PDB file of all heavy atoms in Angstrom:
ATOM      1  N   VAL A   1      -2.240   4.416   5.706  1.00  0.00           N
ATOM      2  CA  VAL A   1      -1.554   5.660   6.040  1.00  0.00           C
ATOM      3  C   VAL A   1      -1.634   6.670   4.899  1.00  0.00           C
ATOM      4  O   VAL A   1      -1.865   7.858   5.107  1.00  0.00           O
ATOM      5  CB  VAL A   1      -0.082   5.381   6.418  1.00  0.00           C
ATOM      6  CG1 VAL A   1       0.662   6.700   6.651  1.00  0.00           C
ATOM      7  CG2 VAL A   1      -0.014   4.508   7.673  1.00  0.00           C
ATOM      8  N   THR A   2      -1.461   6.210   3.653  1.00  0.00           N
ATOM      9  CA  THR A   2      -1.376   7.127   2.519  1.00  0.00           C
ATOM     10  C   THR A   2      -2.655   7.212   1.694  1.00  0.00           C
ATOM     11  O   THR A   2      -2.801   8.142   0.901  1.00  0.00           O
ATOM     12  CB  THR A   2      -0.216   6.729   1.591  1.00  0.00           C
ATOM     13  OG1 THR A   2      -0.390   5.355   1.170  1.00  0.00           O
ATOM     14  CG2 THR A   2       1.114   6.862   2.303  1.00  0.00           C
ATOM     15  N   VAL A   3      -3.573   6.263   1.824  1.00  0.00           N
ATOM     16  CA  VAL A   3      -4.822   6.282   1.055  1.00  0.00           C
ATOM     17  C   VAL A   3      -5.961   5.777   1.933  1.00  0.00           C
ATOM     18  O   VAL A   3      -5.736   5.047   2.895  1.00  0.00           O
ATOM     19  CB  VAL A   3      -4.746   5.406  -0.219  1.00  0.00           C
ATOM     20  CG1 VAL A   3      -3.721   5.950  -1.196  1.00  0.00           C
ATOM     21  CG2 VAL A   3      -4.424   3.955   0.123  1.00  0.00           C
ATOM     22  N   ASN A   4      -7.182   6.154   1.575  1.00  0.00           N
ATOM     23  CA  ASN A   4      -8.303   5.630   2.344  1.00  0.00           C
ATOM     24  C   ASN A   4      -8.773   4.304   1.770  1.00  0.00           C
ATOM     25  O   ASN A   4      -8.320   3.867   0.701  1.00  0.00           O
ATOM     26  CB  ASN A   4      -9.436   6.653   2.440  1.00  0.00           C
ATOM     27  CG  ASN A   4     -10.165   6.857   1.123  1.00  0.00           C
ATOM     28  OD1 ASN A   4     -10.562   5.901   0.463  1.00  0.00           O
ATOM     29  ND2 ASN A   4     -10.370   8.106   0.741  1.00  0.00           N
ATOM     30  N   ALA A   5      -9.682   3.671   2.466  1.00  0.00           N
ATOM     31  CA  ALA A   5     -10.074   2.300   2.151  1.00  0.00           C
ATOM     32  C   ALA A   5     -10.748   2.141   0.797  1.00  0.00           C
ATOM     33  O   ALA A   5     -10.803   1.028   0.253  1.00  0.00           O
ATOM     34  CB  ALA A   5     -11.000   1.781   3.248  1.00  0.00           C
ATOM     35  N   HIS A   6     -11.270   3.241   0.222  1.00  0.00           N
ATOM     36  CA  HIS A   6     -12.060   3.116  -0.999  1.00  0.00           C
ATOM     37  C   HIS A   6     -11.365   3.660  -2.250  1.00  0.00           C
ATOM     38  O   HIS A   6     -11.945   3.636  -3.339  1.00  0.00           O
ATOM     39  CB  HIS A   6     -13.414   3.805  -0.817  1.00  0.00           C
ATOM     40  CG  HIS A   6     -14.327   3.065   0.117  1.00  0.00           C
ATOM     41  ND1 HIS A   6     -14.301   3.278   1.473  1.00  0.00           N
ATOM     42  CD2 HIS A   6     -15.265   2.120  -0.110  1.00  0.00           C
ATOM     43  CE1 HIS A   6     -15.195   2.479   2.044  1.00  0.00           C
ATOM     44  NE2 HIS A   6     -15.794   1.776   1.116  1.00  0.00           N
ATOM     45  N   GLU A   7     -10.150   4.134  -2.109  1.00  0.00           N
ATOM     46  CA  GLU A   7      -9.435   4.685  -3.268  1.00  0.00           C
ATOM     47  C   GLU A   7      -9.331   3.671  -4.404  1.00  0.00           C
ATOM     48  O   GLU A   7      -9.557   3.996  -5.577  1.00  0.00           O
ATOM     49  CB  GLU A   7      -8.040   5.151  -2.864  1.00  0.00           C
ATOM     50  CG  GLU A   7      -8.013   6.360  -1.955  1.00  0.00           C
ATOM     51  CD  GLU A   7      -8.115   7.664  -2.727  1.00  0.00           C
ATOM     52  OE1 GLU A   7      -8.191   7.623  -3.960  1.00  0.00           O
ATOM     53  OE2 GLU A   7      -8.111   8.717  -2.071  1.00  0.00           O
ATOM     54  N   ALA A   8      -8.978   2.426  -4.074  1.00  0.00           N
ATOM     55  CA  ALA A   8      -8.741   1.427  -5.111  1.00  0.00           C
ATOM     56  C   ALA A   8     -10.017   1.085  -5.876  1.00  0.00           C
ATOM     57  O   ALA A   8      -9.999   0.946  -7.106  1.00  0.00           O
ATOM     58  CB  ALA A   8      -8.132   0.165  -4.496  1.00  0.00           C
ATOM     59  N   ILE A   9     -11.128   0.938  -5.158  1.00  0.00           N
ATOM     60  CA  ILE A   9     -12.361   0.554  -5.849  1.00  0.00           C
ATOM     61  C   ILE A   9     -12.906   1.716  -6.664  1.00  0.00           C
ATOM     62  O   ILE A   9     -13.506   1.515  -7.739  1.00  0.00           O
ATOM     63  CB  ILE A   9     -13.407   0.019  -4.850  1.00  0.00           C
ATOM     64  CG1 ILE A   9     -14.469  -0.825  -5.584  1.00  0.00           C
ATOM     65  CG2 ILE A   9     -14.052   1.126  -4.049  1.00  0.00           C
ATOM     66  CD1 ILE A   9     -13.929  -2.091  -6.189  1.00  0.00           C
ATOM     67  N   ILE A  10     -12.685   2.946  -6.213  1.00  0.00           N
ATOM     68  CA  ILE A  10     -13.075   4.111  -7.017  1.00  0.00           C
ATOM     69  C   ILE A  10     -12.303   4.113  -8.330  1.00  0.00           C
ATOM     70  O   ILE A  10     -12.867   4.350  -9.412  1.00  0.00           O
ATOM     71  CB  ILE A  10     -12.837   5.409  -6.224  1.00  0.00           C
ATOM     72  CG1 ILE A  10     -13.830   5.511  -5.063  1.00  0.00           C
ATOM     73  CG2 ILE A  10     -12.942   6.632  -7.132  1.00  0.00           C
ATOM     74  CD1 ILE A  10     -13.513   6.611  -4.080  1.00  0.00           C
ATOM     75  N   ARG A  11     -11.008   3.829  -8.244  1.00  0.00           N
ATOM     76  CA  ARG A  11     -10.170   3.762  -9.444  1.00  0.00           C
ATOM     77  C   ARG A  11     -10.643   2.636 -10.371  1.00  0.00           C
ATOM     78  O   ARG A  11     -10.765   2.837 -11.587  1.00  0.00           O
ATOM     79  CB  ARG A  11      -8.713   3.529  -9.037  1.00  0.00           C
ATOM     80  CG  ARG A  11      -7.759   3.272 -10.187  1.00  0.00           C
ATOM     81  CD  ARG A  11      -7.594   4.479 -11.069  1.00  0.00           C
ATOM     82  NE  ARG A  11      -6.655   4.201 -12.152  1.00  0.00           N
ATOM     83  CZ  ARG A  11      -6.460   5.011 -13.190  1.00  0.00           C
ATOM     84  NH1 ARG A  11      -7.126   6.154 -13.277  1.00  0.00           N
ATOM     85  NH2 ARG A  11      -5.605   4.701 -14.127  1.00  0.00           N
ATOM     86  N   LEU A  12     -10.949   1.472  -9.805  1.00  0.00           N
ATOM     87  CA  LEU A  12     -11.400   0.354 -10.637  1.00  0.00           C
ATOM     88  C   LEU A  12     -12.730   0.670 -11.316  1.00  0.00           C
ATOM     89  O   LEU A  12     -12.902   0.412 -12.511  1.00  0.00           O
ATOM     90  CB  LEU A  12     -11.532  -0.912  -9.790  1.00  0.00           C
ATOM     91  CG  LEU A  12     -11.998  -2.158 -10.552  1.00  0.00           C
ATOM     92  CD1 LEU A  12     -11.009  -2.543 -11.645  1.00  0.00           C
ATOM     93  CD2 LEU A  12     -12.228  -3.327  -9.601  1.00  0.00           C
ATOM     94  N   ARG A  13     -13.662   1.233 -10.595  1.00  0.00           N
ATOM     95  CA  ARG A  13     -14.960   1.572 -11.199  1.00  0.00           C
ATOM     96  C   ARG A  13     -14.769   2.556 -12.357  1.00  0.00           C
ATOM     97  O   ARG A  13     -15.452   2.459 -13.389  1.00  0.00           O
ATOM     98  CB  ARG A  13     -15.890   2.170 -10.144  1.00  0.00           C
ATOM     99  CG  ARG A  13     -16.387   1.175  -9.107  1.00  0.00           C
ATOM    100  CD  ARG A  13     -17.400   1.839  -8.179  1.00  0.00           C
ATOM    101  NE  ARG A  13     -17.717   1.042  -7.020  1.00  0.00           N
ATOM    102  CZ  ARG A  13     -18.592   0.056  -6.966  1.00  0.00           C
ATOM    103  NH1 ARG A  13     -19.264  -0.278  -8.062  1.00  0.00           N
ATOM    104  NH2 ARG A  13     -18.826  -0.601  -5.846  1.00  0.00           N
ATOM    105  N   GLY A  14     -13.856   3.501 -12.193  1.00  0.00           N
ATOM    106  CA  GLY A  14     -13.582   4.442 -13.267  1.00  0.00           C
ATOM    107  C   GLY A  14     -13.039   3.754 -14.504  1.00  0.00           C
ATOM    108  O   GLY A  14     -13.441   4.062 -15.644  1.00  0.00           O
ATOM    109  N   LEU A  15     -12.139   2.789 -14.312  1.00  0.00           N
ATOM    110  CA  LEU A  15     -11.572   2.054 -15.446  1.00  0.00           C
ATOM    111  C   LEU A  15     -12.644   1.222 -16.151  1.00  0.00           C
ATOM    112  O   LEU A  15     -12.653   1.111 -17.380  1.00  0.00           O
ATOM    113  CB  LEU A  15     -10.442   1.138 -14.965  1.00  0.00           C
ATOM    114  CG  LEU A  15      -9.189   1.817 -14.423  1.00  0.00           C
ATOM    115  CD1 LEU A  15      -8.262   0.772 -13.791  1.00  0.00           C
ATOM    116  CD2 LEU A  15      -8.447   2.546 -15.542  1.00  0.00           C
ATOM    117  N   LEU A  16     -13.537   0.623 -15.375  1.00  0.00           N
ATOM    118  CA  LEU A  16     -14.534  -0.283 -15.942  1.00  0.00           C
ATOM    119  C   LEU A  16     -15.553   0.442 -16.814  1.00  0.00           C
ATOM    120  O   LEU A  16     -16.234  -0.190 -17.629  1.00  0.00           O
ATOM    121  CB  LEU A  16     -15.253  -1.042 -14.827  1.00  0.00           C
ATOM    122  CG  LEU A  16     -14.390  -2.027 -14.030  1.00  0.00           C
ATOM    123  CD1 LEU A  16     -15.206  -2.674 -12.924  1.00  0.00           C
ATOM    124  CD2 LEU A  16     -13.786  -3.094 -14.943  1.00  0.00           C
ATOM    125  N   ALA A  17     -15.645   1.749 -16.673  1.00  0.00           N
ATOM    126  CA  ALA A  17     -16.601   2.505 -17.483  1.00  0.00           C
ATOM    127  C   ALA A  17     -16.316   2.377 -18.968  1.00  0.00           C
ATOM    128  O   ALA A  17     -17.229   2.468 -19.798  1.00  0.00           O
ATOM    129  CB  ALA A  17     -16.578   3.978 -17.065  1.00  0.00           C
ATOM    130  N   THR A  18     -15.038   2.134 -19.319  1.00  0.00           N
ATOM    131  CA  THR A  18     -14.662   2.043 -20.735  1.00  0.00           C
ATOM    132  C   THR A  18     -13.863   0.792 -21.059  1.00  0.00           C
ATOM    133  O   THR A  18     -13.440   0.621 -22.201  1.00  0.00           O
ATOM    134  CB  THR A  18     -13.830   3.275 -21.145  1.00  0.00           C
ATOM    135  OG1 THR A  18     -12.673   3.367 -20.304  1.00  0.00           O
ATOM    136  CG2 THR A  18     -14.658   4.550 -21.018  1.00  0.00           C
ATOM    137  N   ASP A  19     -13.652  -0.088 -20.100  1.00  0.00           N
ATOM    138  CA  ASP A  19     -12.794  -1.252 -20.318  1.00  0.00           C
ATOM    139  C   ASP A  19     -13.603  -2.421 -20.889  1.00  0.00           C
ATOM    140  O   ASP A  19     -14.663  -2.762 -20.354  1.00  0.00           O
ATOM    141  CB  ASP A  19     -12.132  -1.682 -19.008  1.00  0.00           C
ATOM    142  CG  ASP A  19     -10.966  -2.629 -19.223  1.00  0.00           C
ATOM    143  OD1 ASP A  19     -11.208  -3.783 -19.636  1.00  0.00           O
ATOM    144  OD2 ASP A  19      -9.818  -2.215 -18.985  1.00  0.00           O
ATOM    145  N   PRO A  20     -13.136  -3.058 -21.953  1.00  0.00           N
ATOM    146  CA  PRO A  20     -13.890  -4.174 -22.548  1.00  0.00           C
ATOM    147  C   PRO A  20     -13.977  -5.402 -21.647  1.00  0.00           C
ATOM    148  O   PRO A  20     -14.794  -6.290 -21.892  1.00  0.00           O
ATOM    149  CB  PRO A  20     -13.109  -4.479 -23.829  1.00  0.00           C
ATOM    150  CG  PRO A  20     -11.738  -3.940 -23.590  1.00  0.00           C
ATOM    151  CD  PRO A  20     -11.922  -2.729 -22.729  1.00  0.00           C
ATOM    152  N   ARG A  21     -13.153  -5.451 -20.596  1.00  0.00           N
ATOM    153  CA  ARG A  21     -13.197  -6.597 -19.681  1.00  0.00           C
ATOM    154  C   ARG A  21     -14.247  -6.430 -18.585  1.00  0.00           C
ATOM    155  O   ARG A  21     -14.462  -7.337 -17.767  1.00  0.00           O
ATOM    156  CB  ARG A  21     -11.810  -6.796 -19.060  1.00  0.00           C
ATOM    157  CG  ARG A  21     -10.747  -7.148 -20.096  1.00  0.00           C
ATOM    158  CD  ARG A  21      -9.334  -6.989 -19.578  1.00  0.00           C
ATOM    159  NE  ARG A  21      -8.999  -5.578 -19.359  1.00  0.00           N
ATOM    160  CZ  ARG A  21      -7.753  -5.124 -19.195  1.00  0.00           C
ATOM    161  NH1 ARG A  21      -6.726  -5.982 -19.229  1.00  0.00           N
ATOM    162  NH2 ARG A  21      -7.523  -3.834 -18.993  1.00  0.00           N
ATOM    163  N   ALA A  22     -14.921  -5.299 -18.575  1.00  0.00           N
ATOM    164  CA  ALA A  22     -15.870  -4.974 -17.511  1.00  0.00           C
ATOM    165  C   ALA A  22     -16.982  -6.012 -17.314  1.00  0.00           C
ATOM    166  O   ALA A  22     -17.381  -6.263 -16.175  1.00  0.00           O
ATOM    167  CB  ALA A  22     -16.479  -3.596 -17.767  1.00  0.00           C
ATOM    168  N   PRO A  23     -17.531  -6.632 -18.373  1.00  0.00           N
ATOM    169  CA  PRO A  23     -18.644  -7.566 -18.146  1.00  0.00           C
ATOM    170  C   PRO A  23     -18.319  -8.731 -17.216  1.00  0.00           C
ATOM    171  O   PRO A  23     -19.230  -9.299 -16.604  1.00  0.00           O
ATOM    172  CB  PRO A  23     -18.973  -8.057 -19.560  1.00  0.00           C
ATOM    173  CG  PRO A  23     -18.551  -6.929 -20.447  1.00  0.00           C
ATOM    174  CD  PRO A  23     -17.316  -6.383 -19.814  1.00  0.00           C
ATOM    175  N   GLY A  24     -17.036  -9.091 -17.091  1.00  0.00           N
ATOM    176  CA  GLY A  24     -16.678 -10.206 -16.231  1.00  0.00           C
ATOM    177  C   GLY A  24     -16.343  -9.823 -14.811  1.00  0.00           C
ATOM    178  O   GLY A  24     -16.086 -10.698 -13.976  1.00  0.00           O
TER     179      GLY A  24
END
C-alpha cells in the first residue's frame, strides 16, 4: 500500500555501494 515491490532492494543496493559487508 505504501511502497512498491522494489523500494527495499533499491535501498539495499545503495547501502552496499559503500558498506564493508557488501562482499558477502
